[in-house]
C-alpha atoms as a PDB file:
ATOM      1  CA  MET A   1      82.452 112.166  47.708  1.00  0.00           C
ATOM      2  CA  ASN A   2      83.840 114.476  50.408  1.00  0.00           C
ATOM      3  CA  HIS A   3      85.674 113.336  53.520  1.00  0.00           C
ATOM      4  CA  SER A   4      82.701 113.428  55.947  1.00  0.00           C
ATOM      5  CA  ALA A   5      80.357 111.662  53.474  1.00  0.00           C
ATOM      6  CA  GLN A   6      83.004 108.945  52.949  1.00  0.00           C
ATOM      7  CA  SER A   7      83.433 108.596  56.724  1.00  0.00           C
ATOM      8  CA  LEU A   8      79.649 108.348  57.107  1.00  0.00           C
ATOM      9  CA  GLN A   9      79.489 105.333  54.759  1.00  0.00           C
ATOM     10  CA  THR A  10      82.350 103.681  56.698  1.00  0.00           C
ATOM     11  CA  ALA A  11      80.478 104.410  59.947  1.00  0.00           C
ATOM     12  CA  ILE A  12      77.318 102.721  58.608  1.00  0.00           C
ATOM     13  CA  GLN A  13      79.318  99.612  57.632  1.00  0.00           C
ATOM     14  CA  GLN A  14      80.893  99.444  61.102  1.00  0.00           C
ATOM     15  CA  ILE A  15      77.519  99.709  62.872  1.00  0.00           C
ATOM     16  CA  GLU A  16      76.032  97.036  60.579  1.00  0.00           C
ATOM     17  CA  GLN A  17      78.744  94.589  61.692  1.00  0.00           C
ATOM     18  CA  ILE A  18      77.454  94.849  65.277  1.00  0.00           C
ATOM     19  CA  ILE A  19      73.685  95.298  64.814  1.00  0.00           C
ATOM     20  CA  LEU A  20      73.020  92.508  62.342  1.00  0.00           C
ATOM     21  CA  GLY A  21      70.166  92.558  59.829  1.00  0.00           C
ATOM     22  CA  LYS A  22      68.830  96.001  60.846  1.00  0.00           C
ATOM     23  CA  SER A  23      70.188  98.216  58.067  1.00  0.00           C
ATOM     24  CA  HIS A  24      66.995 100.305  57.720  1.00  0.00           C
ATOM     25  CA  GLN A  25      66.737 101.005  61.463  1.00  0.00           C
ATOM     26  CA  ILE A  26      70.450 101.954  61.640  1.00  0.00           C
ATOM     27  CA  ARG A  27      69.974 104.466  58.817  1.00  0.00           C
ATOM     28  CA  LEU A  28      66.848 105.873  60.469  1.00  0.00           C
ATOM     29  CA  ALA A  29      68.786 106.353  63.733  1.00  0.00           C
ATOM     30  CA  LEU A  30      71.602 108.134  61.861  1.00  0.00           C
ATOM     31  CA  ALA A  31      69.117 110.271  59.902  1.00  0.00           C
ATOM     32  CA  CYS A  32      67.547 111.303  63.219  1.00  0.00           C
ATOM     33  CA  LEU A  33      70.936 112.412  64.617  1.00  0.00           C
ATOM     34  CA  LEU A  34      71.930 114.188  61.392  1.00  0.00           C
ATOM     35  CA  ALA A  35      68.614 116.079  61.516  1.00  0.00           C
ATOM     36  CA  ARG A  36      69.563 117.233  65.065  1.00  0.00           C
ATOM     37  CA  GLY A  37      66.777 115.159  66.598  1.00  0.00           C
ATOM     38  CA  HIS A  38      66.404 112.864  69.582  1.00  0.00           C
ATOM     39  CA  LEU A  39      65.518 109.192  69.129  1.00  0.00           C
ATOM     40  CA  LEU A  40      63.086 106.959  71.009  1.00  0.00           C
ATOM     41  CA  ILE A  41      63.511 103.196  70.650  1.00  0.00           C
ATOM     42  CA  GLU A  42      60.482 101.276  71.880  1.00  0.00           C
ATOM     43  CA  ASP A  43      60.798  97.524  72.030  1.00  0.00           C
ATOM     44  CA  LEU A  44      60.968  94.430  74.199  1.00  0.00           C
ATOM     45  CA  PRO A  45      64.013  93.965  76.456  1.00  0.00           C
ATOM     46  CA  GLY A  46      66.929  92.130  74.845  1.00  0.00           C
ATOM     47  CA  VAL A  47      66.567  93.054  71.153  1.00  0.00           C
ATOM     48  CA  GLY A  48      69.614  95.367  71.034  1.00  0.00           C
ATOM     49  CA  LYS A  49      68.337  98.852  71.954  1.00  0.00           C
ATOM     50  CA  THR A  50      71.216  99.581  74.353  1.00  0.00           C
ATOM     51  CA  THR A  51      73.784  98.002  72.020  1.00  0.00           C
ATOM     52  CA  LEU A  52      72.662 100.291  69.181  1.00  0.00           C
ATOM     53  CA  ALA A  53      73.131 103.385  71.371  1.00  0.00           C
ATOM     54  CA  HIS A  54      76.603 102.215  72.485  1.00  0.00           C
ATOM     55  CA  VAL A  55      77.798 101.449  68.961  1.00  0.00           C
ATOM     56  CA  LEU A  56      76.445 104.760  67.594  1.00  0.00           C
ATOM     57  CA  ALA A  57      78.299 106.745  70.268  1.00  0.00           C
ATOM     58  CA  ARG A  58      81.506 104.783  69.738  1.00  0.00           C
ATOM     59  CA  THR A  59      81.426 105.003  65.933  1.00  0.00           C
ATOM     60  CA  LEU A  60      80.536 108.712  65.878  1.00  0.00           C
ATOM     61  CA  GLY A  61      83.266 109.553  68.412  1.00  0.00           C
ATOM     62  CA  LEU A  62      80.816 111.000  70.952  1.00  0.00           C
ATOM     63  CA  GLN A  63      81.267 111.237  74.702  1.00  0.00           C
ATOM     64  CA  PHE A  64      78.661 108.804  76.075  1.00  0.00           C
ATOM     65  CA  ALA A  65      76.679 108.505  79.312  1.00  0.00           C
ATOM     66  CA  ARG A  66      74.032 105.968  80.227  1.00  0.00           C
ATOM     67  CA  ILE A  67      71.287 106.875  82.688  1.00  0.00           C
ATOM     68  CA  GLN A  68      69.282 103.931  83.982  1.00  0.00           C
ATOM     69  CA  PHE A  69      65.837 105.295  84.793  1.00  0.00           C
ATOM     70  CA  THR A  70      64.124 103.942  87.910  1.00  0.00           C
ATOM     71  CA  SER A  71      60.926 104.746  89.784  1.00  0.00           C
ATOM     72  CA  ASP A  72      62.801 106.478  92.661  1.00  0.00           C
ATOM     73  CA  MET A  73      64.947 108.716  90.427  1.00  0.00           C
ATOM     74  CA  LEU A  74      65.064 112.462  91.140  1.00  0.00           C
ATOM     75  CA  PRO A  75      65.735 115.294  88.644  1.00  0.00           C
ATOM     76  CA  ALA A  76      69.081 116.000  90.428  1.00  0.00           C
ATOM     77  CA  ASP A  77      70.201 112.438  89.565  1.00  0.00           C
ATOM     78  CA  ILE A  78      70.019 113.467  85.894  1.00  0.00           C
ATOM     79  CA  LEU A  79      70.901 117.167  85.868  1.00  0.00           C
ATOM     80  CA  GLY A  80      73.379 117.487  88.721  1.00  0.00           C
ATOM     81  CA  VAL A  81      73.391 119.383  91.975  1.00  0.00           C
ATOM     82  CA  SER A  82      74.938 122.459  93.645  1.00  0.00           C
ATOM     83  CA  VAL A  83      76.978 121.487  96.708  1.00  0.00           C
ATOM     84  CA  TYR A  84      78.172 123.892  99.411  1.00  0.00           C
ATOM     85  CA  HIS A  85      81.952 123.838  99.902  1.00  0.00           C
ATOM     86  CA  ARG A  86      82.879 125.028 103.379  1.00  0.00           C
ATOM     87  CA  ASP A  87      86.532 125.773 102.533  1.00  0.00           C
ATOM     88  CA  SER A  88      85.586 128.325  99.855  1.00  0.00           C
ATOM     89  CA  SER A  89      82.202 129.278 101.373  1.00  0.00           C
ATOM     90  CA  GLU A  90      80.444 128.865  98.036  1.00  0.00           C
ATOM     91  CA  PHE A  91      78.130 126.555  96.168  1.00  0.00           C
ATOM     92  CA  ARG A  92      79.755 124.588  93.338  1.00  0.00           C
ATOM     93  CA  PHE A  93      77.805 122.869  90.598  1.00  0.00           C
ATOM     94  CA  HIS A  94      78.493 119.146  90.165  1.00  0.00           C
ATOM     95  CA  PRO A  95      77.169 118.236  86.706  1.00  0.00           C
ATOM     96  CA  GLY A  96      74.976 115.162  86.343  1.00  0.00           C
ATOM     97  CA  PRO A  97      75.229 112.491  83.628  1.00  0.00           C
ATOM     98  CA  VAL A  98      73.152 114.627  81.202  1.00  0.00           C
ATOM     99  CA  PHE A  99      76.363 116.602  80.459  1.00  0.00           C
ATOM    100  CA  ALA A 100      77.572 114.246  77.714  1.00  0.00           C
ATOM    101  CA  GLN A 101      77.275 114.445  73.916  1.00  0.00           C
ATOM    102  CA  MET A 102      75.148 111.307  73.680  1.00  0.00           C
ATOM    103  CA  ILE A 103      72.846 110.211  76.474  1.00  0.00           C
ATOM    104  CA  LEU A 104      71.255 106.797  76.636  1.00  0.00           C
ATOM    105  CA  ALA A 105      68.117 107.265  78.745  1.00  0.00           C
ATOM    106  CA  ASP A 106      67.460 103.599  79.432  1.00  0.00           C
ATOM    107  CA  GLU A 107      63.870 102.539  80.204  1.00  0.00           C
ATOM    108  CA  VAL A 108      62.749 106.169  80.374  1.00  0.00           C
ATOM    109  CA  ASN A 109      59.162 105.109  81.110  1.00  0.00           C
ATOM    110  CA  ARG A 110      60.182 103.521  84.431  1.00  0.00           C
ATOM    111  CA  ALA A 111      60.828 106.985  85.941  1.00  0.00           C
ATOM    112  CA  THR A 112      58.146 109.265  87.370  1.00  0.00           C
ATOM    113  CA  PRO A 113      56.849 112.153  85.229  1.00  0.00           C
ATOM    114  CA  LYS A 114      58.939 114.584  87.344  1.00  0.00           C
ATOM    115  CA  ALA A 115      62.225 112.854  86.442  1.00  0.00           C
ATOM    116  CA  GLN A 116      61.128 112.409  82.808  1.00  0.00           C
ATOM    117  CA  SER A 117      60.356 116.116  82.445  1.00  0.00           C
ATOM    118  CA  ALA A 118      63.829 117.082  83.758  1.00  0.00           C
ATOM    119  CA  LEU A 119      65.395 115.165  80.868  1.00  0.00           C
ATOM    120  CA  LEU A 120      62.882 116.450  78.311  1.00  0.00           C
ATOM    121  CA  GLU A 121      63.514 120.056  79.296  1.00  0.00           C
ATOM    122  CA  ALA A 122      67.257 119.537  78.761  1.00  0.00           C
ATOM    123  CA  MET A 123      66.504 117.995  75.334  1.00  0.00           C
ATOM    124  CA  GLU A 124      64.404 120.972  74.292  1.00  0.00           C
ATOM    125  CA  GLU A 125      66.560 123.790  75.673  1.00  0.00           C
ATOM    126  CA  HIS A 126      70.073 122.254  75.278  1.00  0.00           C
ATOM    127  CA  GLN A 127      70.793 123.769  78.683  1.00  0.00           C
ATOM    128  CA  VAL A 128      70.085 123.113  82.351  1.00  0.00           C
ATOM    129  CA  THR A 129      69.090 125.710  84.944  1.00  0.00           C
ATOM    130  CA  ILE A 130      69.959 124.877  88.556  1.00  0.00           C
ATOM    131  CA  GLU A 131      69.092 127.397  91.282  1.00  0.00           C
ATOM    132  CA  GLY A 132      68.951 130.278  88.839  1.00  0.00           C
ATOM    133  CA  THR A 133      72.235 129.491  87.040  1.00  0.00           C
ATOM    134  CA  THR A 134      72.138 128.254  83.461  1.00  0.00           C
ATOM    135  CA  HIS A 135      74.638 125.606  82.335  1.00  0.00           C
ATOM    136  CA  LEU A 136      74.974 124.857  78.608  1.00  0.00           C
ATOM    137  CA  LEU A 137      74.988 121.235  77.487  1.00  0.00           C
ATOM    138  CA  PRO A 138      77.756 120.039  75.127  1.00  0.00           C
ATOM    139  CA  ALA A 139      77.349 120.196  71.348  1.00  0.00           C
ATOM    140  CA  PRO A 140      76.417 118.055  69.564  1.00  0.00           C
ATOM    141  CA  PHE A 141      73.872 116.778  72.104  1.00  0.00           C
ATOM    142  CA  PHE A 142      71.645 113.749  71.468  1.00  0.00           C
ATOM    143  CA  VAL A 143      69.320 111.698  73.594  1.00  0.00           C
ATOM    144  CA  ILE A 144      68.509 108.125  72.684  1.00  0.00           C
ATOM    145  CA  ALA A 145      65.738 106.997  75.017  1.00  0.00           C
ATOM    146  CA  THR A 146      64.578 103.407  75.236  1.00  0.00           C
ATOM    147  CA  GLN A 147      61.254 102.318  76.572  1.00  0.00           C
ATOM    148  CA  ASN A 148      59.644  98.961  77.087  1.00  0.00           C
ATOM    149  CA  PRO A 149      56.121  98.561  75.701  1.00  0.00           C
ATOM    150  CA  SER A 150      53.616 100.253  78.009  1.00  0.00           C
ATOM    151  CA  PHE A 151      51.780  96.994  78.756  1.00  0.00           C
ATOM    152  CA  GLN A 152      54.754  96.020  80.955  1.00  0.00           C
ATOM    153  CA  ILE A 153      54.302  96.420  84.719  1.00  0.00           C
ATOM    154  CA  GLY A 154      55.750  99.464  86.503  1.00  0.00           C
ATOM    155  CA  THR A 155      55.861 101.891  83.615  1.00  0.00           C
ATOM    156  CA  PHE A 156      54.779 105.542  83.370  1.00  0.00           C
ATOM    157  CA  PRO A 157      53.956 106.076  79.675  1.00  0.00           C
ATOM    158  CA  LEU A 158      55.341 109.297  78.181  1.00  0.00           C
ATOM    159  CA  PRO A 159      52.500 111.781  77.563  1.00  0.00           C
ATOM    160  CA  GLU A 160      51.854 112.854  73.951  1.00  0.00           C
ATOM    161  CA  SER A 161      53.375 116.310  74.493  1.00  0.00           C
ATOM    162  CA  GLN A 162      56.631 114.662  75.586  1.00  0.00           C
ATOM    163  CA  LEU A 163      56.635 112.026  72.838  1.00  0.00           C
ATOM    164  CA  ASP A 164      56.520 114.961  70.411  1.00  0.00           C
ATOM    165  CA  ARG A 165      60.016 116.047  71.597  1.00  0.00           C
ATOM    166  CA  PHE A 166      61.461 112.953  69.918  1.00  0.00           C
ATOM    167  CA  LEU A 167      62.068 113.461  66.214  1.00  0.00           C
ATOM    168  CA  MET A 168      61.681 109.717  65.601  1.00  0.00           C
ATOM    169  CA  ARG A 169      60.527 106.560  67.269  1.00  0.00           C
ATOM    170  CA  ILE A 170      61.776 103.250  65.917  1.00  0.00           C
ATOM    171  CA  GLN A 171      61.410  99.587  66.790  1.00  0.00           C
ATOM    172  CA  LEU A 172      64.196  97.061  66.243  1.00  0.00           C
ATOM    173  CA  GLY A 173      62.135  93.869  66.447  1.00  0.00           C
ATOM    174  CA  TYR A 174      63.518  90.338  66.468  1.00  0.00           C
ATOM    175  CA  PRO A 175      66.433  89.573  64.116  1.00  0.00           C
ATOM    176  CA  ASP A 176      65.853  87.311  61.144  1.00  0.00           C
ATOM    177  CA  ALA A 177      67.212  83.742  61.302  1.00  0.00           C
ATOM    178  CA  SER A 178      70.580  84.425  59.636  1.00  0.00           C
ATOM    179  CA  ALA A 179      71.249  87.561  61.732  1.00  0.00           C
ATOM    180  CA  GLU A 180      70.318  85.660  64.887  1.00  0.00           C
ATOM    181  CA  ARG A 181      72.687  82.816  63.926  1.00  0.00           C
ATOM    182  CA  GLY A 182      75.435  85.435  63.518  1.00  0.00           C
ATOM    183  CA  LEU A 183      74.718  86.734  67.029  1.00  0.00           C
ATOM    184  CA  LEU A 184      74.744  83.223  68.513  1.00  0.00           C
ATOM    185  CA  GLU A 185      77.975  82.198  66.787  1.00  0.00           C
ATOM    186  CA  GLY A 186      79.832  85.515  67.156  1.00  0.00           C
ATOM    187  CA  ARG A 187      81.709  87.156  70.008  1.00  0.00           C
ATOM    188  CA  ASP A 188      79.959  89.120  72.754  1.00  0.00           C
ATOM    189  CA  ARG A 189      78.767  92.413  71.254  1.00  0.00           C
ATOM    190  CA  ARG A 190      80.103  94.459  74.189  1.00  0.00           C
ATOM    191  CA  GLU A 191      83.593  93.031  73.686  1.00  0.00           C
ATOM    192  CA  ILE A 192      83.538  93.960  69.991  1.00  0.00           C
ATOM    193  CA  ILE A 193      82.239  97.513  70.688  1.00  0.00           C
ATOM    194  CA  ALA A 194      85.149  98.102  73.089  1.00  0.00           C
ATOM    195  CA  THR A 195      87.592  97.480  70.212  1.00  0.00           C
ATOM    196  CA  LEU A 196      85.887  99.760  67.653  1.00  0.00           C
ATOM    197  CA  ALA A 197      87.594 102.911  66.391  1.00  0.00           C
ATOM    198  CA  PRO A 198      85.563 106.127  65.885  1.00  0.00           C
ATOM    199  CA  GLN A 199      84.869 106.746  62.180  1.00  0.00           C
ATOM    200  CA  LEU A 200      83.718 110.355  62.657  1.00  0.00           C
ATOM    201  CA  THR A 201      84.498 113.174  65.047  1.00  0.00           C
ATOM    202  CA  PRO A 202      81.943 115.514  66.667  1.00  0.00           C
ATOM    203  CA  ALA A 203      83.204 118.196  64.226  1.00  0.00           C
ATOM    204  CA  ASP A 204      82.513 115.863  61.235  1.00  0.00           C
ATOM    205  CA  LEU A 205      79.025 115.276  62.598  1.00  0.00           C
ATOM    206  CA  GLN A 206      78.353 119.011  62.861  1.00  0.00           C
ATOM    207  CA  THR A 207      79.601 119.469  59.262  1.00  0.00           C
ATOM    208  CA  LEU A 208      77.168 116.759  58.109  1.00  0.00           C
ATOM    209  CA  GLN A 209      74.329 118.426  60.027  1.00  0.00           C
ATOM    210  CA  GLN A 210      75.085 121.672  58.174  1.00  0.00           C
ATOM    211  CA  GLN A 211      75.050 119.760  54.864  1.00  0.00           C
ATOM    212  CA  VAL A 212      71.620 118.314  55.732  1.00  0.00           C
ATOM    213  CA  ALA A 213      70.201 121.839  56.077  1.00  0.00           C
ATOM    214  CA  LYS A 214      71.426 122.635  52.535  1.00  0.00           C
ATOM    215  CA  ILE A 215      69.763 119.640  50.822  1.00  0.00           C
ATOM    216  CA  HIS A 216      67.421 121.071  48.171  1.00  0.00           C
ATOM    217  CA  VAL A 217      63.640 120.808  48.620  1.00  0.00           C
ATOM    218  CA  SER A 218      61.463 121.620  45.604  1.00  0.00           C
ATOM    219  CA  PRO A 219      58.068 123.383  45.820  1.00  0.00           C
ATOM    220  CA  ALA A 220      56.446 120.136  44.539  1.00  0.00           C
ATOM    221  CA  LEU A 221      57.968 118.213  47.443  1.00  0.00           C
ATOM    222  CA  LEU A 222      56.651 120.779  49.915  1.00  0.00           C
ATOM    223  CA  ASP A 223      53.218 120.329  48.272  1.00  0.00           C
ATOM    224  CA  TYR A 224      53.499 116.599  49.005  1.00  0.00           C
ATOM    225  CA  LEU A 225      54.464 117.219  52.635  1.00  0.00           C
ATOM    226  CA  GLN A 226      51.576 119.645  53.092  1.00  0.00           C
ATOM    227  CA  ALA A 227      49.165 117.175  51.487  1.00  0.00           C
ATOM    228  CA  ILE A 228      50.243 114.570  54.087  1.00  0.00           C
ATOM    229  CA  LEU A 229      49.715 117.027  56.951  1.00  0.00           C
ATOM    230  CA  ARG A 230      46.340 118.147  55.559  1.00  0.00           C
ATOM    231  CA  HIS A 231      45.140 114.551  55.124  1.00  0.00           C
ATOM    232  CA  THR A 232      45.759 113.755  58.821  1.00  0.00           C
ATOM    233  CA  ARG A 233      43.868 116.898  59.863  1.00  0.00           C
ATOM    234  CA  GLU A 234      40.856 116.298  57.610  1.00  0.00           C
ATOM    235  CA  SER A 235      40.524 112.514  57.867  1.00  0.00           C
ATOM    236  CA  ALA A 236      38.238 110.986  60.500  1.00  0.00           C
ATOM    237  CA  GLN A 237      40.797 108.167  60.928  1.00  0.00           C
ATOM    238  CA  TYR A 238      42.962 110.168  63.346  1.00  0.00           C
ATOM    239  CA  VAL A 239      42.222 111.544  66.812  1.00  0.00           C
ATOM    240  CA  HIS A 240      44.379 114.611  66.033  1.00  0.00           C
ATOM    241  CA  GLY A 241      46.091 115.786  62.858  1.00  0.00           C
ATOM    242  CA  LEU A 242      49.837 116.288  62.633  1.00  0.00           C
ATOM    243  CA  SER A 243      51.163 119.582  64.030  1.00  0.00           C
ATOM    244  CA  PRO A 244      53.381 122.095  62.199  1.00  0.00           C
ATOM    245  CA  ARG A 245      56.259 120.792  64.378  1.00  0.00           C
ATOM    246  CA  ALA A 246      55.650 117.308  62.948  1.00  0.00           C
ATOM    247  CA  GLY A 247      55.852 118.786  59.431  1.00  0.00           C
ATOM    248  CA  ILE A 248      59.191 120.463  60.224  1.00  0.00           C
ATOM    249  CA  ALA A 249      60.457 117.171  61.712  1.00  0.00           C
ATOM    250  CA  MET A 250      59.400 115.263  58.584  1.00  0.00           C
ATOM    251  CA  LEU A 251      61.229 117.734  56.355  1.00  0.00           C
ATOM    252  CA  ALA A 252      64.440 117.625  58.433  1.00  0.00           C
ATOM    253  CA  ALA A 253      64.416 113.805  58.549  1.00  0.00           C
ATOM    254  CA  SER A 254      63.744 113.579  54.773  1.00  0.00           C
ATOM    255  CA  ARG A 255      66.712 115.854  54.071  1.00  0.00           C
ATOM    256  CA  ALA A 256      68.948 113.701  56.309  1.00  0.00           C
ATOM    257  CA  TRP A 257      67.745 110.518  54.574  1.00  0.00           C
ATOM    258  CA  ALA A 258      68.525 112.057  51.158  1.00  0.00           C
ATOM    259  CA  LEU A 259      72.054 112.869  52.384  1.00  0.00           C
ATOM    260  CA  LEU A 260      72.514 109.274  53.599  1.00  0.00           C
ATOM    261  CA  GLN A 261      71.486 108.107  50.114  1.00  0.00           C
ATOM    262  CA  GLY A 262      74.101 110.448  48.589  1.00  0.00           C
ATOM    263  CA  ARG A 263      71.566 112.823  46.993  1.00  0.00           C
ATOM    264  CA  SER A 264      71.543 116.624  46.945  1.00  0.00           C
ATOM    265  CA  ALA A 265      67.735 116.967  46.747  1.00  0.00           C
ATOM    266  CA  VAL A 266      64.810 115.350  48.564  1.00  0.00           C
ATOM    267  CA  LEU A 267      62.623 112.875  46.641  1.00  0.00           C
ATOM    268  CA  PRO A 268      59.148 111.620  47.655  1.00  0.00           C
ATOM    269  CA  GLU A 269      60.690 108.219  48.521  1.00  0.00           C
ATOM    270  CA  ASP A 270      62.890 109.946  51.128  1.00  0.00           C
ATOM    271  CA  VAL A 271      59.731 111.276  52.794  1.00  0.00           C
ATOM    272  CA  GLN A 272      58.146 107.815  52.646  1.00  0.00           C
ATOM    273  CA  ALA A 273      61.260 106.158  54.141  1.00  0.00           C
ATOM    274  CA  VAL A 274      61.228 108.352  57.266  1.00  0.00           C
ATOM    275  CA  LEU A 275      57.469 108.832  57.602  1.00  0.00           C
ATOM    276  CA  PRO A 276      56.744 105.833  59.907  1.00  0.00           C
ATOM    277  CA  GLY A 277      59.583 106.830  62.255  1.00  0.00           C
ATOM    278  CA  VAL A 278      58.541 110.476  62.380  1.00  0.00           C
ATOM    279  CA  VAL A 279      54.742 110.193  62.616  1.00  0.00           C
ATOM    280  CA  GLY A 280      54.230 106.767  64.230  1.00  0.00           C
ATOM    281  CA  HIS A 281      54.319 108.173  67.777  1.00  0.00           C
ATOM    282  CA  ARG A 282      52.425 111.348  66.853  1.00  0.00           C
ATOM    283  CA  LEU A 283      49.346 109.759  65.281  1.00  0.00           C
ATOM    284  CA  GLN A 284      46.560 108.012  67.111  1.00  0.00           C
ATOM    285  CA  GLY A 285      43.865 106.117  65.235  1.00  0.00           C
ATOM    286  CA  THR A 286      40.188 106.534  66.002  1.00  0.00           C
ATOM    287  CA  ARG A 287      39.638 102.788  65.544  1.00  0.00           C
ATOM    288  CA  ASP A 288      40.861 101.891  68.993  1.00  0.00           C
ATOM    289  CA  ASN A 289      42.813  98.686  68.640  1.00  0.00           C
ATOM    290  CA  SER A 290      46.534  98.020  68.764  1.00  0.00           C
ATOM    291  CA  LEU A 291      46.783  97.489  64.990  1.00  0.00           C
ATOM    292  CA  THR A 292      45.966 101.141  64.300  1.00  0.00           C
ATOM    293  CA  ARG A 293      49.096 102.271  66.129  1.00  0.00           C
ATOM    294  CA  GLY A 294      52.124 103.879  64.661  1.00  0.00           C
ATOM    295  CA  ASP A 295      53.652 102.124  61.697  1.00  0.00           C
ATOM    296  CA  LYS A 296      50.380 100.789  60.309  1.00  0.00           C
ATOM    297  CA  LEU A 297      48.824 104.264  60.388  1.00  0.00           C
ATOM    298  CA  ALA A 298      51.908 105.649  58.657  1.00  0.00           C
ATOM    299  CA  MET A 299      51.725 103.012  55.904  1.00  0.00           C
ATOM    300  CA  GLU A 300      48.020 103.808  55.373  1.00  0.00           C
ATOM    301  CA  LEU A 301      48.972 107.496  55.153  1.00  0.00           C
ATOM    302  CA  ILE A 302      51.574 106.812  52.422  1.00  0.00           C
ATOM    303  CA  GLU A 303      48.945 104.906  50.407  1.00  0.00           C
ATOM    304  CA  ALA A 304      46.217 107.523  50.958  1.00  0.00           C
ATOM    305  CA  VAL A 305      48.169 110.613  49.847  1.00  0.00           C
ATOM    306  CA  LYS A 306      49.066 110.774  46.152  1.00  0.00           C
ATOM    307  CA  ILE A 307      52.421 112.251  45.101  1.00  0.00           C
ATOM    308  CA  PRO A 308      51.595 115.524  43.263  1.00  0.00           C
END
């Protein structure tokens, strides 16, 4: 096992000591970052969304900024602003909080569409253009956005085109009884995070991302991926089929999951492990009730499509 793979396993163990009983979600979040994607965490307040973002940044050695989204937020509050300096008679750019390696966009659906789109453009382009001047964002650059369920008051749901910018959407859910007991009996999570040492550097992370791109994918596995995409396009169960971008996202996430499992090639179970996270926010069921959302649709998809 090489140095960065060893460090990755140590990083996972460290995160699992803070976010108790959520091993699968932690690995999905890491797979998303290793696949160079952005992560959306949708859940009720108080289940550990913000804590997960903090502990990921700390453990991966990334420069971190939190942006609390509010209904009166302006794009300049995220991106930064050019200010005129009288002494030098010139405009100088003052970068906003988006100029960090990991951004926590907290309660992103509380902001207006205008503020949301400023962040989403930065995510897509990895750069910010202010008054005709382009400023590159740091590398690596990740956004972890959290949103409360859309039935909560005062939210602007992200439109489908913007949801598609997130490689994965996950839910943490309530902890099980033993994990919850650990939280109740243990020290404050924020105190513990402050004492954690980084287990990886940004350079290690970029090395791992390069390794992900080299994970082998067989023609038979691509057949399986295409069968999944085709099923969503031909079945009457879905409002729209999955796009080519969704297929590329699924492949990248499957490669990252295989790397996390210590494998050099992608297996069908890697695809199945990441499928709910990758397609849950991209699929909409035609049977219009809340049960046909996301994860349930993804599970039905896994059962419906045979492995070639």
